[in-house]
Amino acid sequence: MPEYPTAQYPTALGASSLEKITLLGQDLARDVMGEVGFGELAFWLATQRRPGKGETRVFEAVLAALADHGFTPTAIVTRLTYLSAPDSIQGALAAGLLGGGSRFLGVTEDCGRFLHDALSTADRPVDDELALEIVRAERAAGRFIPGLGHHVHKNGDPRTARLFEIAREEGKFGPHLALFEAIGRVHPQVLGKTLPLNGAGACGAALADLGLPLELLRGFALLARAAGLIGQLAEELRTPVANEIFLSVDLNNRPVPPAGGSHG
């Protein structure tokens, strides 16, 4: 008889027996499949608390907002990796997800953390004066405010206004979203120009207001983008562009002397 380890590893997530699979204390086949939407389940898995309808609507609105944003670096690298290794669909997906960082997708977490830290040290309710103090402090320190600005939506990110609207409709417009919105109103007084509140930042504020762990905010952005990258791969199969992207660079390279110059 083989010997099995006797240590105990508690989990409230998935567990299997001969005839049954449980997930979050539910019978997976009977109570979850066909009964719980994927977004609701993702929230439930992260918090081990089943979300209400309003929470689910806001959370799924965030996932929709972050799923795809065109030919971003994450989408391009996914298509190029698939071009190079069509036998490794997981490699193409992983390549795109690994590109989610401080400039693309990571803003969701950065903004959520920034707003949370600002609220944690504030000694009064959110208003424009508080937002003004925060913007001035960041400007004095030479730091950028996460979620402020967008390279395309210079006149306003349509995702932001819609997410504010949905959160208000569901009674989930909390202090993080309120502070983010206030920063949007007051920052021109300090910066001397008006920048849009981008959608990724608004998503971070909304996730923080939902009480989701700050450490996982980037994970939710990646969860959403995984669906978008599958869409990119599906489109690459139908109407490929990766080879043109590759060739447009490869055939247009311009040889220049090494940056270090020559030794003489």
Protein backbone atom coordinates (compact mmCIF):
# COMPACT_ATOMS: atom_id res chain seq x y z
CA MET A 1 0.00 0.00 0.00
CA PRO A 2 1.37 3.45 -0.88
CA GLU A 3 1.81 5.86 1.96
CA TYR A 4 0.12 9.26 1.67
CA PRO A 5 1.08 12.40 3.60
CA THR A 6 -1.04 13.03 6.67
CA ALA A 7 -0.70 16.83 6.80
CA GLN A 8 -3.91 18.88 6.54
CA TYR A 9 -4.31 21.64 3.93
CA PRO A 10 -7.53 23.55 4.58
CA THR A 11 -9.29 25.25 1.66
CA ALA A 12 -12.72 26.73 1.17
CA LEU A 13 -12.29 26.62 -2.59
CA GLY A 14 -12.49 23.47 -4.66
CA ALA A 15 -12.42 19.95 -3.29
CA SER A 16 -13.29 16.62 -4.86
CA SER A 17 -14.53 13.28 -3.61
CA LEU A 18 -15.46 10.15 -5.53
CA GLU A 19 -18.87 11.51 -6.59
CA LYS A 20 -18.93 15.20 -5.73
CA ILE A 21 -17.06 18.45 -6.32
CA THR A 22 -17.53 21.33 -3.91
CA LEU A 23 -16.57 24.93 -4.51
CA LEU A 24 -16.94 27.62 -1.87
CA GLY A 25 -19.07 25.22 0.10
CA GLN A 26 -21.46 24.75 -2.83
CA ASP A 27 -22.14 21.69 -4.91
CA LEU A 28 -20.35 22.73 -8.10
CA ALA A 29 -22.53 20.76 -10.50
CA ARG A 30 -25.86 21.52 -8.84
CA ASP A 31 -25.50 24.99 -7.29
CA VAL A 32 -22.86 26.78 -9.38
CA MET A 33 -22.93 25.51 -12.96
CA GLY A 34 -25.72 27.24 -14.83
CA GLU A 35 -26.65 29.21 -11.72
CA VAL A 36 -23.71 31.59 -11.12
CA GLY A 37 -22.23 33.88 -13.77
CA PHE A 38 -18.47 33.84 -14.30
CA GLY A 39 -17.97 37.41 -13.08
CA GLU A 40 -19.98 36.72 -9.95
CA LEU A 41 -17.97 33.56 -9.36
CA ALA A 42 -14.66 35.41 -9.79
CA PHE A 43 -15.72 37.95 -7.16
CA TRP A 44 -16.91 35.13 -4.88
CA LEU A 45 -13.64 33.23 -5.26
CA ALA A 46 -11.58 36.30 -4.36
CA THR A 47 -13.61 37.37 -1.34
CA GLN A 48 -15.18 34.04 -0.33
CA ARG A 49 -18.37 36.11 -0.05
CA ARG A 50 -21.14 35.93 -2.62
CA PRO A 51 -21.61 39.44 -4.06
CA GLY A 52 -24.95 41.19 -4.25
CA LYS A 53 -26.47 42.09 -7.60
CA GLY A 54 -25.18 45.64 -7.46
CA GLU A 55 -21.65 44.50 -6.64
CA THR A 56 -21.76 41.97 -9.46
CA ARG A 57 -22.93 44.60 -11.95
CA VAL A 58 -20.15 47.03 -11.03
CA PHE A 59 -17.53 44.26 -10.99
CA GLU A 60 -18.58 42.93 -14.38
CA ALA A 61 -18.64 46.47 -15.77
CA VAL A 62 -14.98 46.74 -14.70
CA LEU A 63 -14.14 43.45 -16.41
CA ALA A 64 -15.87 44.62 -19.59
CA ALA A 65 -14.02 47.95 -19.47
CA LEU A 66 -10.63 46.26 -19.26
CA ALA A 67 -11.13 43.28 -21.59
CA ASP A 68 -9.74 44.86 -24.74
CA HIS A 69 -8.50 48.23 -25.89
CA GLY A 70 -7.32 47.56 -29.43
CA PHE A 71 -3.74 47.07 -30.55
CA THR A 72 -2.11 47.67 -27.20
CA PRO A 73 1.32 46.15 -26.49
CA THR A 74 -0.37 43.21 -24.73
CA ALA A 75 -2.49 42.45 -27.80
CA ILE A 76 0.37 42.88 -30.26
CA VAL A 77 2.77 40.65 -28.34
CA THR A 78 0.09 37.98 -28.05
CA ARG A 79 -0.44 37.99 -31.82
CA LEU A 80 3.30 38.01 -32.53
CA THR A 81 3.96 35.16 -30.12
CA TYR A 82 1.23 33.15 -31.77
CA LEU A 83 2.81 33.91 -35.16
CA SER A 84 6.12 32.57 -33.89
CA ALA A 85 4.75 29.62 -31.95
CA PRO A 86 1.25 28.65 -33.14
CA ASP A 87 1.65 25.37 -31.28
CA SER A 88 1.75 27.27 -27.96
CA ILE A 89 -1.55 29.06 -27.43
CA GLN A 90 -0.75 29.26 -23.74
CA GLY A 91 2.55 30.95 -24.57
CA ALA A 92 0.79 33.60 -26.63
CA LEU A 93 -1.70 34.29 -23.85
CA ALA A 94 1.01 34.34 -21.20
CA ALA A 95 3.13 36.75 -23.27
CA GLY A 96 0.26 39.24 -23.39
CA LEU A 97 -0.55 38.91 -19.71
CA LEU A 98 3.10 39.31 -18.71
CA GLY A 99 3.02 42.71 -20.43
CA GLY A 100 0.43 44.02 -17.98
CA GLY A 101 2.48 46.51 -15.98
CA SER A 102 2.70 50.05 -14.71
CA ARG A 103 1.95 51.61 -18.12
CA PHE A 104 -0.73 49.25 -19.37
CA LEU A 105 -3.26 47.49 -17.10
CA GLY A 106 -1.25 48.03 -13.92
CA VAL A 107 -2.80 51.48 -13.58
CA THR A 108 -5.86 49.77 -12.16
CA GLU A 109 -3.93 48.58 -9.12
CA ASP A 110 -1.75 51.68 -8.88
CA CYS A 111 -4.78 53.97 -8.79
CA GLY A 112 -6.67 51.83 -6.29
CA ARG A 113 -3.66 51.77 -3.96
CA PHE A 114 -3.00 55.50 -4.39
CA LEU A 115 -6.58 56.44 -3.52
CA HIS A 116 -6.67 54.00 -0.62
CA ASP A 117 -3.45 55.40 0.86
CA ALA A 118 -4.70 58.97 0.46
CA LEU A 119 -7.99 58.15 2.18
CA SER A 120 -6.22 56.28 4.96
CA THR A 121 -4.26 59.38 5.95
CA ALA A 122 -7.07 61.91 5.44
CA ASP A 123 -8.79 63.18 8.56
CA ARG A 124 -11.97 64.44 6.93
CA PRO A 125 -14.59 63.46 4.34
CA VAL A 126 -13.78 63.55 0.65
CA ASP A 127 -14.26 66.95 -0.93
CA ASP A 128 -12.54 69.15 -3.48
CA GLU A 129 -10.26 70.72 -0.85
CA LEU A 130 -8.89 67.32 0.11
CA ALA A 131 -8.38 66.43 -3.54
CA LEU A 132 -6.61 69.74 -4.09
CA GLU A 133 -4.22 69.07 -1.20
CA ILE A 134 -3.44 65.63 -2.59
CA VAL A 135 -2.76 66.90 -6.11
CA ARG A 136 -0.55 69.70 -4.76
CA ALA A 137 1.42 67.25 -2.62
CA GLU A 138 1.99 64.89 -5.54
CA ARG A 139 3.04 67.77 -7.79
CA ALA A 140 5.48 69.04 -5.16
CA ALA A 141 6.97 65.56 -4.84
CA GLY A 142 7.34 65.28 -8.61
CA ARG A 143 5.05 62.28 -8.82
CA PHE A 144 2.34 61.48 -11.37
CA ILE A 145 -1.17 60.74 -10.16
CA PRO A 146 -2.21 57.24 -11.31
CA GLY A 147 -5.25 57.22 -13.55
CA LEU A 148 -4.82 60.79 -14.76
CA GLY A 149 -4.29 61.15 -18.51
CA HIS A 150 -4.74 58.98 -21.60
CA HIS A 151 -2.82 58.91 -24.85
CA VAL A 152 -6.00 58.56 -26.94
CA HIS A 153 -8.98 59.81 -24.93
CA LYS A 154 -7.65 63.29 -24.38
CA ASN A 155 -11.16 64.78 -24.16
CA GLY A 156 -12.44 62.18 -21.71
CA ASP A 157 -12.39 58.39 -21.41
CA PRO A 158 -15.92 57.13 -22.12
CA ARG A 159 -15.43 54.21 -19.74
CA THR A 160 -14.96 56.50 -16.78
CA ALA A 161 -18.26 58.37 -17.02
CA ARG A 162 -20.17 55.13 -17.60
CA LEU A 163 -18.54 53.39 -14.64
CA PHE A 164 -19.35 56.37 -12.39
CA GLU A 165 -22.95 56.13 -13.59
CA ILE A 166 -23.26 52.39 -12.97
CA ALA A 167 -21.68 52.65 -9.51
CA ARG A 168 -24.11 55.44 -8.56
CA GLU A 169 -27.09 53.46 -9.88
CA GLU A 170 -26.08 50.50 -7.72
CA GLY A 171 -25.26 52.52 -4.58
CA LYS A 172 -21.59 51.54 -4.89
CA PHE A 173 -20.10 54.98 -5.49
CA GLY A 174 -17.81 55.02 -2.47
CA PRO A 175 -14.96 57.20 -1.23
CA HIS A 176 -12.37 55.94 -3.73
CA LEU A 177 -14.52 56.87 -6.72
CA ALA A 178 -15.51 60.14 -5.03
CA LEU A 179 -11.89 61.12 -4.49
CA PHE A 180 -10.93 60.11 -8.02
CA GLU A 181 -13.79 62.22 -9.40
CA ALA A 182 -12.76 65.17 -7.21
CA ILE A 183 -9.17 64.91 -8.47
CA GLY A 184 -10.59 65.13 -11.96
CA ARG A 185 -12.30 68.42 -11.07
CA VAL A 186 -9.46 70.17 -9.26
CA HIS A 187 -6.21 69.04 -10.89
CA PRO A 188 -6.23 71.78 -13.60
CA GLN A 189 -5.77 74.35 -10.80
CA VAL A 190 -2.43 72.76 -9.97
CA LEU A 191 -1.21 71.29 -13.24
CA GLY A 192 -2.36 74.15 -15.44
CA LYS A 193 -4.01 71.77 -17.91
CA THR A 194 -6.93 69.38 -17.97
CA LEU A 195 -6.23 65.68 -18.20
CA PRO A 196 -8.86 62.93 -18.51
CA LEU A 197 -9.55 60.43 -15.76
CA ASN A 198 -8.74 57.21 -17.57
CA GLY A 199 -10.85 54.10 -17.47
CA ALA A 200 -8.20 51.87 -15.93
CA GLY A 201 -7.89 54.26 -12.99
CA ALA A 202 -11.66 54.43 -12.56
CA CYS A 203 -11.73 50.63 -12.53
CA GLY A 204 -9.17 50.59 -9.73
CA ALA A 205 -11.25 53.05 -7.72
CA ALA A 206 -14.41 51.01 -8.28
CA LEU A 207 -12.72 47.74 -7.27
CA ALA A 208 -11.36 49.40 -4.11
CA ASP A 209 -14.86 50.66 -3.28
CA LEU A 210 -16.14 47.10 -3.66
CA GLY A 211 -13.71 46.09 -0.93
CA LEU A 212 -11.64 43.80 -3.10
CA PRO A 213 -8.08 43.16 -1.87
CA LEU A 214 -5.68 45.81 -3.15
CA GLU A 215 -3.06 43.12 -3.73
CA LEU A 216 -5.33 41.48 -6.30
CA LEU A 217 -6.48 44.52 -8.29
CA ARG A 218 -3.99 43.91 -11.09
CA GLY A 219 -5.11 40.29 -11.10
CA PHE A 220 -8.66 41.36 -11.95
CA ALA A 221 -7.33 43.53 -14.77
CA LEU A 222 -5.44 40.49 -16.09
CA LEU A 223 -8.54 38.32 -15.71
CA ALA A 224 -10.43 40.74 -17.94
CA ARG A 225 -7.59 41.07 -20.43
CA ALA A 226 -7.27 37.27 -20.73
CA ALA A 227 -10.71 37.27 -22.35
CA GLY A 228 -9.65 40.09 -24.63
CA LEU A 229 -6.48 38.29 -25.65
CA ILE A 230 -8.48 35.18 -26.57
CA GLY A 231 -10.51 37.49 -28.78
CA GLN A 232 -7.30 38.84 -30.32
CA LEU A 233 -6.11 35.29 -31.05
CA ALA A 234 -9.48 34.33 -32.53
CA GLU A 235 -9.33 37.35 -34.83
CA GLU A 236 -5.71 36.55 -35.69
CA LEU A 237 -6.91 33.13 -36.88
CA ARG A 238 -9.60 34.72 -39.06
CA THR A 239 -7.79 37.80 -40.33
CA PRO A 240 -4.09 37.62 -39.44
CA VAL A 241 -2.07 40.82 -39.11
CA ALA A 242 0.88 39.61 -37.03
CA ASN A 243 3.02 38.78 -40.05
CA GLU A 244 2.48 42.28 -41.47
CA ILE A 245 3.46 43.82 -38.12
CA PHE A 246 6.60 41.67 -38.05
CA LEU A 247 7.53 42.47 -41.64
CA SER A 248 6.83 46.19 -41.26
CA VAL A 249 9.57 46.31 -38.65
CA ASP A 250 11.92 43.72 -40.10
CA LEU A 251 11.90 45.15 -43.64
CA ASN A 252 12.18 48.75 -42.49
CA ASN A 253 15.09 48.48 -40.10
CA ARG A 254 17.67 51.23 -40.52
CA PRO A 255 21.25 50.29 -39.66
CA VAL A 256 22.98 52.91 -37.51
CA PRO A 257 26.39 52.95 -35.78
CA PRO A 258 26.52 51.33 -32.33
CA ALA A 259 25.56 53.78 -29.58
CA GLY A 260 28.91 53.24 -27.88
CA GLY A 261 30.90 54.40 -30.91
CA SER A 262 34.18 52.84 -32.07
CA HIS A 263 37.38 52.32 -30.13
CA GLY A 264 40.39 53.90 -31.72
